[in-house]
N, C-alpha and C. Protein backbone atom coordinates (compact mmCIF):
# COMPACT_ATOMS: atom_id res chain seq x y z
N UNK A 1 138.21 4.71 -34.01
CA UNK A 1 137.76 4.85 -35.21
C UNK A 1 136.06 6.02 -34.86
N UNK A 2 135.07 5.71 -36.09
CA UNK A 2 134.17 6.39 -36.18
C UNK A 2 132.88 5.13 -35.48
N UNK A 3 131.87 5.70 -35.16
CA UNK A 3 130.84 5.18 -34.84
C UNK A 3 129.71 4.90 -36.14
N UNK A 4 129.01 3.83 -35.70
CA UNK A 4 128.47 3.42 -37.10
C UNK A 4 127.01 4.60 -36.93
N UNK A 5 126.49 4.85 -37.90
CA UNK A 5 124.95 6.11 -37.55
C UNK A 5 123.80 5.13 -37.67
N UNK A 6 123.83 3.81 -38.28
CA UNK A 6 122.49 2.73 -38.22
C UNK A 6 122.77 2.25 -36.58
N UNK A 7 121.33 2.34 -36.21
CA UNK A 7 120.88 1.98 -35.11
C UNK A 7 119.70 1.06 -35.38
N UNK A 8 120.22 -0.39 -35.09
CA UNK A 8 119.77 -1.28 -35.70
C UNK A 8 118.67 -2.05 -34.24
N UNK A 9 118.78 -1.37 -33.32
CA UNK A 9 118.20 -1.63 -31.95
C UNK A 9 116.61 -1.43 -32.27
N UNK A 10 116.17 -0.16 -32.77
CA UNK A 10 114.62 0.16 -33.13
C UNK A 10 114.41 -0.30 -34.23
N UNK A 11 112.94 -0.83 -33.95
CA UNK A 11 112.30 -1.77 -35.33
C UNK A 11 112.10 0.03 -36.42
N UNK A 12 112.57 -0.14 -37.52
CA UNK A 12 112.10 0.56 -38.61
C UNK A 12 110.43 0.83 -39.05
N UNK A 13 110.11 2.02 -39.09
CA UNK A 13 108.04 1.74 -39.57
C UNK A 13 108.36 2.04 -40.93
N UNK A 14 106.92 1.29 -41.17
CA UNK A 14 106.45 1.23 -42.33
C UNK A 14 106.34 2.72 -43.13
N UNK A 15 106.29 2.39 -44.30
CA UNK A 15 105.47 3.82 -44.59
C UNK A 15 103.76 4.01 -44.95
N UNK A 16 103.44 4.97 -44.66
CA UNK A 16 101.72 5.16 -44.50
C UNK A 16 101.30 4.84 -46.04
N UNK A 17 100.53 4.09 -45.89
CA UNK A 17 99.94 3.57 -47.43
C UNK A 17 99.08 4.61 -47.70
N UNK A 18 99.01 5.07 -48.59
CA UNK A 18 98.75 6.28 -49.74
C UNK A 18 96.70 6.06 -49.31
N UNK A 19 96.54 5.08 -49.43
CA UNK A 19 94.93 4.63 -49.74
C UNK A 19 94.17 5.12 -48.13
N UNK A 20 95.36 4.71 -47.37
CA UNK A 20 94.95 4.16 -46.12
C UNK A 20 94.86 6.27 -45.57
N UNK A 21 95.50 6.47 -46.23
CA UNK A 21 95.66 8.13 -45.94
C UNK A 21 94.15 9.12 -46.54
N UNK A 22 93.98 8.58 -47.33
CA UNK A 22 92.84 9.15 -48.58
C UNK A 22 91.23 8.44 -47.88
N UNK A 23 91.06 7.34 -47.08
CA UNK A 23 90.26 6.79 -47.28
C UNK A 23 89.32 7.94 -46.04
N UNK A 24 89.26 7.79 -45.08
CA UNK A 24 88.76 9.42 -44.25
C UNK A 24 88.65 10.27 -45.05
N UNK A 25 88.76 10.84 -45.71
CA UNK A 25 88.05 11.97 -46.48
C UNK A 25 87.35 11.93 -47.50
N UNK A 26 87.18 10.47 -48.19
CA UNK A 26 86.53 10.45 -49.00
C UNK A 26 84.53 10.82 -48.57
N UNK A 27 84.12 10.86 -47.68
CA UNK A 27 82.76 11.28 -46.91
C UNK A 27 82.42 13.23 -47.59
N UNK A 28 83.99 14.14 -47.46
CA UNK A 28 83.66 15.01 -47.79
C UNK A 28 83.76 15.30 -49.42
N UNK A 29 85.00 14.68 -49.48
CA UNK A 29 85.38 15.05 -51.04
C UNK A 29 84.53 14.89 -52.08
N UNK A 30 83.72 13.31 -51.67
CA UNK A 30 82.45 12.81 -53.14
C UNK A 30 81.37 13.37 -53.08
N UNK A 31 80.97 14.07 -52.09
CA UNK A 31 80.02 14.92 -52.67
C UNK A 31 80.11 16.46 -53.07
N UNK A 32 81.29 17.02 -52.84
CA UNK A 32 81.83 17.98 -53.58
C UNK A 32 82.52 17.88 -55.02
N UNK A 33 83.15 16.99 -55.26
CA UNK A 33 82.95 16.74 -56.39
C UNK A 33 82.04 16.24 -57.56
N UNK A 34 81.45 14.91 -56.66
CA UNK A 34 80.27 15.36 -57.72
C UNK A 34 79.04 16.51 -57.94
N UNK A 35 79.43 17.25 -57.09
CA UNK A 35 78.31 18.54 -57.06
C UNK A 35 78.60 19.37 -58.36
N UNK A 36 80.49 19.52 -58.37
CA UNK A 36 81.18 20.33 -59.76
C UNK A 36 81.03 19.69 -61.09
N UNK A 37 80.79 18.44 -60.56
CA UNK A 37 80.64 17.56 -62.27
C UNK A 37 79.66 17.53 -62.51
N UNK A 38 78.62 17.79 -61.86
CA UNK A 38 77.37 18.14 -62.29
C UNK A 38 76.69 19.49 -62.76
N UNK A 39 78.01 20.34 -61.87
CA UNK A 39 77.84 21.84 -62.78
C UNK A 39 78.27 22.39 -64.03
N UNK A 40 79.12 21.22 -64.38
CA UNK A 40 80.36 21.46 -65.21
C UNK A 40 79.73 20.90 -66.21
N UNK A 41 79.00 18.99 -66.18
CA UNK A 41 78.36 19.01 -67.15
C UNK A 41 76.70 19.81 -67.47
N UNK A 42 75.95 20.27 -66.60
CA UNK A 42 75.19 21.21 -67.19
C UNK A 42 75.75 22.56 -67.89
N UNK A 43 76.83 23.11 -67.60
CA UNK A 43 77.33 24.08 -68.10
C UNK A 43 77.83 23.79 -69.53
N UNK A 44 78.38 22.49 -69.76
CA UNK A 44 78.54 22.01 -71.54
C UNK A 44 77.45 21.78 -71.94
N UNK A 45 76.09 21.41 -70.90
CA UNK A 45 74.79 21.04 -72.26
C UNK A 45 74.13 22.93 -72.22
N UNK A 46 74.34 23.08 -71.63
CA UNK A 46 73.68 24.83 -72.03
C UNK A 46 74.60 25.10 -72.98
N UNK A 47 75.82 25.06 -72.75
CA UNK A 47 76.65 25.93 -73.60
C UNK A 47 76.28 25.31 -75.48
N UNK A 48 75.88 24.12 -75.22
CA UNK A 48 76.22 23.31 -76.48
C UNK A 48 74.54 23.78 -77.23
N UNK A 49 73.60 24.32 -76.24
CA UNK A 49 71.68 24.31 -76.74
C UNK A 49 72.24 25.61 -77.59
């Protein structure tokens, strides 16, 4: 007979949380996105004037 492929002796690891993966990047991403947003808003204001 064939052996079962599931090994229940080792505990299954929980999948990584998406929020925990993003949190360390916030100090770099937030100022960059803020700068891009300010540039886009200034471009819109100049083009409408």
